[in-house]
Amino acid sequence: MTEKPKVKEAAETLYGAYVIETNRNDLEPEVIWKLYMTLTKVEDAFKALKSNLGMRPIYHQLASRTAAHLFISVVAYHLYGAIALSLSQAGDKRSVHSILAQVSTHSRLNVTMLDDNKRLHNLRISSTPNSTQKEIYSILGVVDTLARTKKVIAQL
């Protein structure tokens, strides 16, 4: 088999280079590169949706469930984008993946129990956010409005 000189020369010229092909002749190379790099952001977002947010595996067999999953995915993607934008505007360089990992230990629990007098109590308990979590919530404008009180909800 003989090598084709022009093909070999083109391959050697492009060795180690990144080539992006587009039909947009009206854009500068820097703009094309920035547009291409948004693909990385979208891929990261879907990785977060499918892995970090637990939206896979998907075993939908009904159209309504598939539509519901798609809806939740789109809402989550917009939320992801809003978080990334807020971080960027605040000058925070952490990734959304990092933010999710850091706030994942802040938890809220609902505890329902029956006392000796057969009264049903509903307790909503929230752990206290650590300093990193408080900083993240401040950047994102998250306000903890949860009252940490117990309520008697029924007498049985």
N, C-alpha and C. Protein backbone atom coordinates (compact mmCIF):
# COMPACT_ATOMS: atom_id res chain seq x y z
N MET A 1 0.84 -1.17 0.00
CA MET A 1 0.00 0.00 0.00
C MET A 1 0.89 1.24 0.00
N THR A 2 0.58 2.19 -0.84
CA THR A 2 1.38 3.40 -0.93
C THR A 2 0.65 4.54 -0.23
N GLU A 3 1.42 5.40 0.40
CA GLU A 3 0.85 6.55 1.09
C GLU A 3 0.52 7.65 0.10
N LYS A 4 -0.54 8.35 0.37
CA LYS A 4 -0.91 9.49 -0.45
C LYS A 4 -0.21 10.71 0.13
N PRO A 5 0.70 11.32 -0.64
CA PRO A 5 1.50 12.43 -0.10
C PRO A 5 0.66 13.59 0.44
N LYS A 6 -0.42 13.97 -0.23
CA LYS A 6 -1.21 15.11 0.23
C LYS A 6 -1.93 14.80 1.55
N VAL A 7 -2.43 13.60 1.69
CA VAL A 7 -3.11 13.20 2.92
C VAL A 7 -2.13 13.17 4.08
N LYS A 8 -0.95 12.60 3.81
CA LYS A 8 0.08 12.52 4.85
C LYS A 8 0.54 13.92 5.26
N GLU A 9 0.74 14.79 4.28
CA GLU A 9 1.17 16.16 4.57
C GLU A 9 0.12 16.91 5.39
N ALA A 10 -1.15 16.75 5.04
CA ALA A 10 -2.23 17.40 5.78
C ALA A 10 -2.28 16.88 7.21
N ALA A 11 -2.12 15.57 7.39
CA ALA A 11 -2.13 14.98 8.73
C ALA A 11 -0.97 15.50 9.56
N GLU A 12 0.20 15.60 8.96
CA GLU A 12 1.38 16.10 9.69
C GLU A 12 1.21 17.56 10.06
N THR A 13 0.59 18.34 9.18
CA THR A 13 0.37 19.76 9.45
C THR A 13 -0.57 19.95 10.63
N LEU A 14 -1.59 19.10 10.71
CA LEU A 14 -2.60 19.24 11.75
C LEU A 14 -2.27 18.47 13.03
N TYR A 15 -1.17 17.75 13.05
CA TYR A 15 -0.82 16.94 14.22
C TYR A 15 -0.68 17.85 15.44
N GLY A 16 -1.47 17.55 16.49
CA GLY A 16 -1.41 18.34 17.72
C GLY A 16 -2.28 19.58 17.68
N ALA A 17 -2.98 19.82 16.57
CA ALA A 17 -3.83 21.00 16.46
C ALA A 17 -5.29 20.60 16.69
N TYR A 18 -6.08 21.55 17.11
CA TYR A 18 -7.50 21.32 17.31
C TYR A 18 -8.21 21.92 16.12
N VAL A 19 -9.01 21.15 15.42
CA VAL A 19 -9.69 21.62 14.23
C VAL A 19 -11.20 21.61 14.47
N ILE A 20 -11.81 22.75 14.26
CA ILE A 20 -13.25 22.87 14.37
C ILE A 20 -13.76 23.29 13.00
N GLU A 21 -14.68 22.51 12.48
CA GLU A 21 -15.24 22.82 11.17
C GLU A 21 -16.60 23.44 11.36
N THR A 22 -16.84 24.53 10.65
CA THR A 22 -18.13 25.21 10.75
C THR A 22 -18.50 25.79 9.39
N ASN A 23 -19.78 26.02 9.21
CA ASN A 23 -20.25 26.68 8.00
C ASN A 23 -20.48 28.17 8.24
N ARG A 24 -20.11 28.64 9.42
CA ARG A 24 -20.29 30.06 9.78
C ARG A 24 -19.07 30.87 9.38
N ASN A 25 -19.13 31.48 8.22
CA ASN A 25 -18.03 32.31 7.73
C ASN A 25 -18.08 33.72 8.30
N ASP A 26 -19.17 34.07 8.97
CA ASP A 26 -19.35 35.42 9.49
C ASP A 26 -18.77 35.60 10.90
N LEU A 27 -18.21 34.54 11.48
CA LEU A 27 -17.71 34.62 12.85
C LEU A 27 -16.18 34.60 12.89
N GLU A 28 -15.65 35.33 13.85
CA GLU A 28 -14.20 35.33 14.07
C GLU A 28 -13.80 34.02 14.75
N PRO A 29 -12.56 33.59 14.56
CA PRO A 29 -12.10 32.33 15.18
C PRO A 29 -12.31 32.28 16.70
N GLU A 30 -12.11 33.41 17.38
CA GLU A 30 -12.28 33.44 18.83
C GLU A 30 -13.73 33.18 19.23
N VAL A 31 -14.67 33.72 18.45
CA VAL A 31 -16.09 33.53 18.72
C VAL A 31 -16.47 32.07 18.48
N ILE A 32 -15.95 31.49 17.41
CA ILE A 32 -16.21 30.08 17.11
C ILE A 32 -15.70 29.21 18.25
N TRP A 33 -14.51 29.53 18.75
CA TRP A 33 -13.94 28.74 19.86
C TRP A 33 -14.80 28.85 21.11
N LYS A 34 -15.25 30.07 21.43
CA LYS A 34 -16.10 30.26 22.62
C LYS A 34 -17.41 29.49 22.47
N LEU A 35 -17.99 29.53 21.28
CA LEU A 35 -19.22 28.77 21.05
C LEU A 35 -18.97 27.28 21.21
N TYR A 36 -17.86 26.82 20.70
CA TYR A 36 -17.54 25.40 20.83
C TYR A 36 -17.34 25.02 22.29
N MET A 37 -16.71 25.89 23.07
CA MET A 37 -16.45 25.59 24.47
C MET A 37 -17.73 25.53 25.29
N THR A 38 -18.82 26.14 24.81
CA THR A 38 -20.09 26.00 25.52
C THR A 38 -20.55 24.55 25.50
N LEU A 39 -20.11 23.80 24.51
CA LEU A 39 -20.42 22.37 24.47
C LEU A 39 -19.90 21.67 25.72
N THR A 40 -18.71 22.05 26.16
CA THR A 40 -18.14 21.47 27.38
C THR A 40 -19.03 21.76 28.58
N LYS A 41 -19.55 22.97 28.63
CA LYS A 41 -20.44 23.33 29.74
C LYS A 41 -21.73 22.52 29.71
N VAL A 42 -22.27 22.34 28.53
CA VAL A 42 -23.50 21.55 28.39
C VAL A 42 -23.23 20.10 28.78
N GLU A 43 -22.10 19.55 28.33
CA GLU A 43 -21.75 18.18 28.68
C GLU A 43 -21.59 18.03 30.19
N ASP A 44 -20.95 19.01 30.84
CA ASP A 44 -20.80 18.99 32.30
C ASP A 44 -22.17 19.02 32.98
N ALA A 45 -23.06 19.86 32.44
CA ALA A 45 -24.40 19.96 33.02
C ALA A 45 -25.13 18.63 32.94
N PHE A 46 -25.07 17.99 31.79
CA PHE A 46 -25.76 16.71 31.66
C PHE A 46 -25.10 15.63 32.50
N LYS A 47 -23.81 15.72 32.67
CA LYS A 47 -23.13 14.77 33.56
C LYS A 47 -23.65 14.95 34.98
N ALA A 48 -23.80 16.20 35.40
CA ALA A 48 -24.33 16.48 36.74
C ALA A 48 -25.76 15.99 36.86
N LEU A 49 -26.56 16.25 35.82
CA LEU A 49 -27.95 15.81 35.87
C LEU A 49 -28.06 14.31 35.97
N LYS A 50 -27.27 13.62 35.20
CA LYS A 50 -27.40 12.17 35.12
C LYS A 50 -26.68 11.47 36.27
N SER A 51 -25.63 12.06 36.80
CA SER A 51 -24.86 11.40 37.86
C SER A 51 -25.15 12.03 39.22
N ASN A 52 -24.73 13.28 39.40
CA ASN A 52 -24.83 13.93 40.70
C ASN A 52 -26.26 14.07 41.20
N LEU A 53 -27.19 14.32 40.30
CA LEU A 53 -28.57 14.50 40.71
C LEU A 53 -29.37 13.21 40.66
N GLY A 54 -28.73 12.11 40.31
CA GLY A 54 -29.36 10.80 40.35
C GLY A 54 -30.47 10.60 39.34
N MET A 55 -30.35 11.16 38.16
CA MET A 55 -31.41 11.03 37.17
C MET A 55 -31.15 9.88 36.19
N ARG A 56 -30.32 8.96 36.60
CA ARG A 56 -30.16 7.74 35.80
C ARG A 56 -29.92 6.58 36.73
N PRO A 57 -30.10 5.38 36.39
CA PRO A 57 -30.51 4.92 35.05
C PRO A 57 -31.97 5.21 34.78
N ILE A 58 -32.32 5.21 33.52
CA ILE A 58 -33.68 5.51 33.10
C ILE A 58 -34.30 4.22 32.55
N TYR A 59 -35.40 3.81 33.15
CA TYR A 59 -36.09 2.60 32.71
C TYR A 59 -37.53 2.92 32.30
N HIS A 60 -37.75 4.05 31.69
CA HIS A 60 -39.10 4.44 31.32
C HIS A 60 -39.61 3.62 30.15
N GLN A 61 -40.84 3.18 30.28
CA GLN A 61 -41.46 2.45 29.19
C GLN A 61 -42.74 3.14 28.74
N LEU A 62 -43.21 4.07 29.52
CA LEU A 62 -44.42 4.79 29.17
C LEU A 62 -44.07 6.20 28.71
N ALA A 63 -44.78 6.67 27.70
CA ALA A 63 -44.51 8.00 27.15
C ALA A 63 -44.67 9.09 28.21
N SER A 64 -45.65 8.95 29.09
CA SER A 64 -45.88 9.97 30.12
C SER A 64 -44.70 10.05 31.09
N ARG A 65 -44.11 8.91 31.40
CA ARG A 65 -42.95 8.91 32.30
C ARG A 65 -41.73 9.50 31.61
N THR A 66 -41.58 9.21 30.34
CA THR A 66 -40.46 9.79 29.58
C THR A 66 -40.62 11.30 29.51
N ALA A 67 -41.83 11.77 29.24
CA ALA A 67 -42.09 13.20 29.17
C ALA A 67 -41.83 13.86 30.53
N ALA A 68 -42.24 13.21 31.60
CA ALA A 68 -42.01 13.75 32.94
C ALA A 68 -40.52 13.83 33.23
N HIS A 69 -39.78 12.80 32.85
CA HIS A 69 -38.33 12.78 33.07
C HIS A 69 -37.66 13.90 32.28
N LEU A 70 -38.10 14.08 31.05
CA LEU A 70 -37.54 15.15 30.22
C LEU A 70 -37.84 16.52 30.83
N PHE A 71 -39.06 16.70 31.32
CA PHE A 71 -39.43 17.96 31.95
C PHE A 71 -38.53 18.26 33.16
N ILE A 72 -38.38 17.27 34.03
CA ILE A 72 -37.53 17.43 35.21
C ILE A 72 -36.09 17.72 34.79
N SER A 73 -35.62 17.07 33.75
CA SER A 73 -34.25 17.29 33.26
C SER A 73 -34.07 18.72 32.77
N VAL A 74 -35.06 19.24 32.05
CA VAL A 74 -34.97 20.61 31.54
C VAL A 74 -35.00 21.61 32.69
N VAL A 75 -35.89 21.38 33.66
CA VAL A 75 -35.94 22.27 34.83
C VAL A 75 -34.60 22.23 35.58
N ALA A 76 -34.07 21.03 35.78
CA ALA A 76 -32.79 20.88 36.47
C ALA A 76 -31.67 21.55 35.69
N TYR A 77 -31.70 21.44 34.38
CA TYR A 77 -30.66 22.08 33.55
C TYR A 77 -30.72 23.60 33.71
N HIS A 78 -31.92 24.17 33.74
CA HIS A 78 -32.05 25.62 33.93
C HIS A 78 -31.58 26.03 35.32
N LEU A 79 -31.89 25.23 36.31
CA LEU A 79 -31.42 25.51 37.67
C LEU A 79 -29.89 25.44 37.71
N TYR A 80 -29.35 24.43 37.07
CA TYR A 80 -27.89 24.27 36.97
C TYR A 80 -27.27 25.52 36.33
N GLY A 81 -27.87 25.98 35.24
CA GLY A 81 -27.37 27.17 34.55
C GLY A 81 -27.46 28.41 35.42
N ALA A 82 -28.55 28.55 36.17
CA ALA A 82 -28.72 29.71 37.05
C ALA A 82 -27.67 29.70 38.16
N ILE A 83 -27.39 28.51 38.70
CA ILE A 83 -26.36 28.40 39.74
C ILE A 83 -25.00 28.77 39.16
N ALA A 84 -24.68 28.23 37.99
CA ALA A 84 -23.39 28.53 37.36
C ALA A 84 -23.25 30.02 37.06
N LEU A 85 -24.32 30.65 36.58
CA LEU A 85 -24.29 32.08 36.28
C LEU A 85 -24.09 32.91 37.55
N SER A 86 -24.83 32.57 38.61
CA SER A 86 -24.69 33.30 39.87
C SER A 86 -23.27 33.19 40.42
N LEU A 87 -22.70 31.99 40.35
CA LEU A 87 -21.32 31.80 40.81
C LEU A 87 -20.36 32.64 39.99
N SER A 88 -20.53 32.59 38.68
CA SER A 88 -19.64 33.33 37.78
C SER A 88 -19.73 34.84 38.04
N GLN A 89 -20.95 35.35 38.18
CA GLN A 89 -21.13 36.78 38.42
C GLN A 89 -20.55 37.22 39.76
N ALA A 90 -20.50 36.30 40.71
CA ALA A 90 -19.93 36.61 42.03
C ALA A 90 -18.42 36.41 42.04
N GLY A 91 -17.86 35.98 40.90
CA GLY A 91 -16.42 35.75 40.84
C GLY A 91 -15.99 34.45 41.47
N ASP A 92 -16.94 33.58 41.76
CA ASP A 92 -16.63 32.29 42.38
C ASP A 92 -16.22 31.32 41.28
N LYS A 93 -15.08 30.69 41.43
CA LYS A 93 -14.54 29.81 40.40
C LYS A 93 -14.89 28.34 40.60
N ARG A 94 -15.63 28.02 41.67
CA ARG A 94 -15.98 26.62 41.90
C ARG A 94 -16.94 26.13 40.82
N SER A 95 -16.83 24.85 40.50
CA SER A 95 -17.75 24.26 39.54
C SER A 95 -19.05 23.91 40.24
N VAL A 96 -20.09 23.74 39.45
CA VAL A 96 -21.37 23.35 40.03
C VAL A 96 -21.24 21.96 40.67
N HIS A 97 -20.41 21.09 40.08
CA HIS A 97 -20.15 19.77 40.68
C HIS A 97 -19.62 19.94 42.11
N SER A 98 -18.67 20.85 42.26
CA SER A 98 -18.07 21.11 43.57
C SER A 98 -19.11 21.68 44.54
N ILE A 99 -19.92 22.59 44.06
CA ILE A 99 -20.96 23.19 44.89
C ILE A 99 -21.94 22.11 45.37
N LEU A 100 -22.37 21.25 44.46
CA LEU A 100 -23.29 20.17 44.83
C LEU A 100 -22.68 19.27 45.91
N ALA A 101 -21.40 18.96 45.75
CA ALA A 101 -20.73 18.11 46.75
C ALA A 101 -20.65 18.82 48.09
N GLN A 102 -20.40 20.12 48.08
CA GLN A 102 -20.23 20.85 49.34
C GLN A 102 -21.55 21.05 50.08
N VAL A 103 -22.65 21.20 49.37
CA VAL A 103 -23.93 21.41 50.06
C VAL A 103 -24.67 20.10 50.32
N SER A 104 -24.18 19.01 49.78
CA SER A 104 -24.88 17.73 49.92
C SER A 104 -24.94 17.23 51.36
N THR A 105 -24.07 17.72 52.21
CA THR A 105 -24.08 17.27 53.61
C THR A 105 -25.03 18.09 54.48
N HIS A 106 -25.60 19.16 53.95
CA HIS A 106 -26.58 19.94 54.68
C HIS A 106 -27.93 19.28 54.44
N SER A 107 -28.54 18.79 55.51
CA SER A 107 -29.74 17.98 55.32
C SER A 107 -30.93 18.51 56.12
N ARG A 108 -32.09 18.13 55.64
CA ARG A 108 -33.34 18.42 56.33
C ARG A 108 -34.09 17.11 56.48
N LEU A 109 -34.66 16.93 57.63
CA LEU A 109 -35.40 15.70 57.91
C LEU A 109 -36.78 16.04 58.42
N ASN A 110 -37.75 15.22 58.07
CA ASN A 110 -39.08 15.27 58.66
C ASN A 110 -39.20 14.03 59.53
N VAL A 111 -39.49 14.24 60.79
CA VAL A 111 -39.64 13.14 61.73
C VAL A 111 -41.05 13.18 62.27
N THR A 112 -41.75 12.06 62.16
CA THR A 112 -43.10 11.95 62.70
C THR A 112 -43.07 10.89 63.79
N MET A 113 -43.63 11.25 64.97
CA MET A 113 -43.62 10.28 66.07
C MET A 113 -44.85 10.45 66.93
N LEU A 114 -45.13 9.40 67.66
CA LEU A 114 -46.27 9.35 68.56
C LEU A 114 -45.76 9.41 69.99
N ASP A 115 -46.33 10.30 70.81
CA ASP A 115 -45.87 10.36 72.20
C ASP A 115 -46.72 9.45 73.08
N ASP A 116 -46.42 9.45 74.39
CA ASP A 116 -47.12 8.56 75.34
C ASP A 116 -48.61 8.88 75.44
N ASN A 117 -48.98 10.12 75.11
CA ASN A 117 -50.39 10.51 75.16
C ASN A 117 -51.09 10.33 73.82
N LYS A 118 -50.44 9.59 72.94
CA LYS A 118 -50.97 9.28 71.61
C LYS A 118 -51.19 10.52 70.75
N ARG A 119 -50.35 11.53 70.97
CA ARG A 119 -50.36 12.70 70.11
C ARG A 119 -49.29 12.51 69.03
N LEU A 120 -49.66 12.82 67.80
CA LEU A 120 -48.74 12.69 66.68
C LEU A 120 -47.96 13.99 66.53
N HIS A 121 -46.64 13.89 66.55
CA HIS A 121 -45.77 15.06 66.43
C HIS A 121 -45.05 15.01 65.08
N ASN A 122 -44.97 16.16 64.45
CA ASN A 122 -44.22 16.27 63.21
C ASN A 122 -43.08 17.26 63.45
N LEU A 123 -41.86 16.79 63.35
CA LEU A 123 -40.70 17.65 63.56
C LEU A 123 -39.98 17.82 62.24
N ARG A 124 -39.68 19.04 61.90
CA ARG A 124 -38.86 19.31 60.74
C ARG A 124 -37.52 19.80 61.27
N ILE A 125 -36.49 19.03 60.99
CA ILE A 125 -35.18 19.30 61.56
C ILE A 125 -34.21 19.60 60.44
N SER A 126 -33.47 20.67 60.60
CA SER A 126 -32.48 21.06 59.61
C SER A 126 -31.12 21.15 60.29
N SER A 127 -30.13 20.54 59.67
CA SER A 127 -28.79 20.68 60.22
C SER A 127 -28.32 22.12 60.01
N THR A 128 -27.37 22.54 60.81
CA THR A 128 -26.84 23.89 60.69
C THR A 128 -25.79 23.91 59.58
N PRO A 129 -25.95 24.80 58.60
CA PRO A 129 -24.95 24.84 57.52
C PRO A 129 -23.59 25.28 58.04
N ASN A 130 -22.55 24.68 57.48
CA ASN A 130 -21.19 25.08 57.86
C ASN A 130 -20.83 26.38 57.13
N SER A 131 -19.65 26.91 57.40
CA SER A 131 -19.27 28.22 56.84
C SER A 131 -19.23 28.20 55.31
N THR A 132 -18.76 27.12 54.71
CA THR A 132 -18.72 27.01 53.25
C THR A 132 -20.12 27.00 52.68
N GLN A 133 -21.00 26.24 53.31
CA GLN A 133 -22.39 26.19 52.85
C GLN A 133 -23.06 27.55 52.98
N LYS A 134 -22.82 28.25 54.09
CA LYS A 134 -23.39 29.59 54.27
C LYS A 134 -22.90 30.53 53.19
N GLU A 135 -21.61 30.44 52.83
CA GLU A 135 -21.06 31.28 51.78
C GLU A 135 -21.74 30.99 50.44
N ILE A 136 -21.92 29.72 50.13
CA ILE A 136 -22.58 29.33 48.88
C ILE A 136 -24.02 29.83 48.86
N TYR A 137 -24.74 29.64 49.95
CA TYR A 137 -26.13 30.09 50.03
C TYR A 137 -26.21 31.60 49.87
N SER A 138 -25.26 32.30 50.43
CA SER A 138 -25.24 33.76 50.31
C SER A 138 -25.06 34.18 48.85
N ILE A 139 -24.12 33.55 48.16
CA ILE A 139 -23.88 33.86 46.74
C ILE A 139 -25.13 33.58 45.91
N LEU A 140 -25.81 32.47 46.21
CA LEU A 140 -26.96 32.06 45.43
C LEU A 140 -28.27 32.71 45.89
N GLY A 141 -28.20 33.48 46.97
CA GLY A 141 -29.40 34.14 47.47
C GLY A 141 -30.38 33.20 48.14
N VAL A 142 -29.87 32.09 48.68
CA VAL A 142 -30.71 31.12 49.37
C VAL A 142 -30.88 31.56 50.82
N VAL A 143 -32.13 31.70 51.25
CA VAL A 143 -32.44 32.11 52.62
C VAL A 143 -33.15 30.95 53.31
N ASP A 144 -32.68 30.60 54.48
CA ASP A 144 -33.28 29.52 55.24
C ASP A 144 -34.47 30.08 55.99
N THR A 145 -35.67 29.75 55.53
CA THR A 145 -36.89 30.26 56.17
C THR A 145 -37.55 29.20 57.04
N LEU A 146 -36.88 28.08 57.23
CA LEU A 146 -37.47 26.99 57.99
C LEU A 146 -37.46 27.29 59.48
N ALA A 147 -38.64 27.32 60.04
CA ALA A 147 -38.74 27.48 61.49
C ALA A 147 -38.38 26.14 62.13
N ARG A 148 -37.54 26.17 63.12
CA ARG A 148 -37.11 24.93 63.77
C ARG A 148 -37.95 24.69 65.02
N THR A 149 -39.22 24.45 64.77
CA THR A 149 -40.14 24.20 65.87
C THR A 149 -40.87 22.89 65.63
N LYS A 150 -41.41 22.36 66.71
CA LYS A 150 -42.20 21.14 66.57
C LYS A 150 -43.67 21.49 66.63
N LYS A 151 -44.48 20.67 65.98
CA LYS A 151 -45.92 20.88 65.98
C LYS A 151 -46.61 19.58 66.35
N VAL A 152 -47.64 19.68 67.16
CA VAL A 152 -48.51 18.54 67.40
C VAL A 152 -49.55 18.61 66.29
N ILE A 153 -49.59 17.55 65.46
CA ILE A 153 -50.48 17.62 64.31
C ILE A 153 -51.75 16.79 64.46
N ALA A 154 -51.79 15.91 65.47
CA ALA A 154 -53.00 15.10 65.66
C ALA A 154 -53.02 14.48 67.06
N GLN A 155 -54.20 14.32 67.56
CA GLN A 155 -54.40 13.61 68.84
C GLN A 155 -55.10 12.30 68.48
N LEU A 156 -54.45 11.18 68.71
CA LEU A 156 -55.06 9.87 68.35
C LEU A 156 -55.71 9.21 69.53
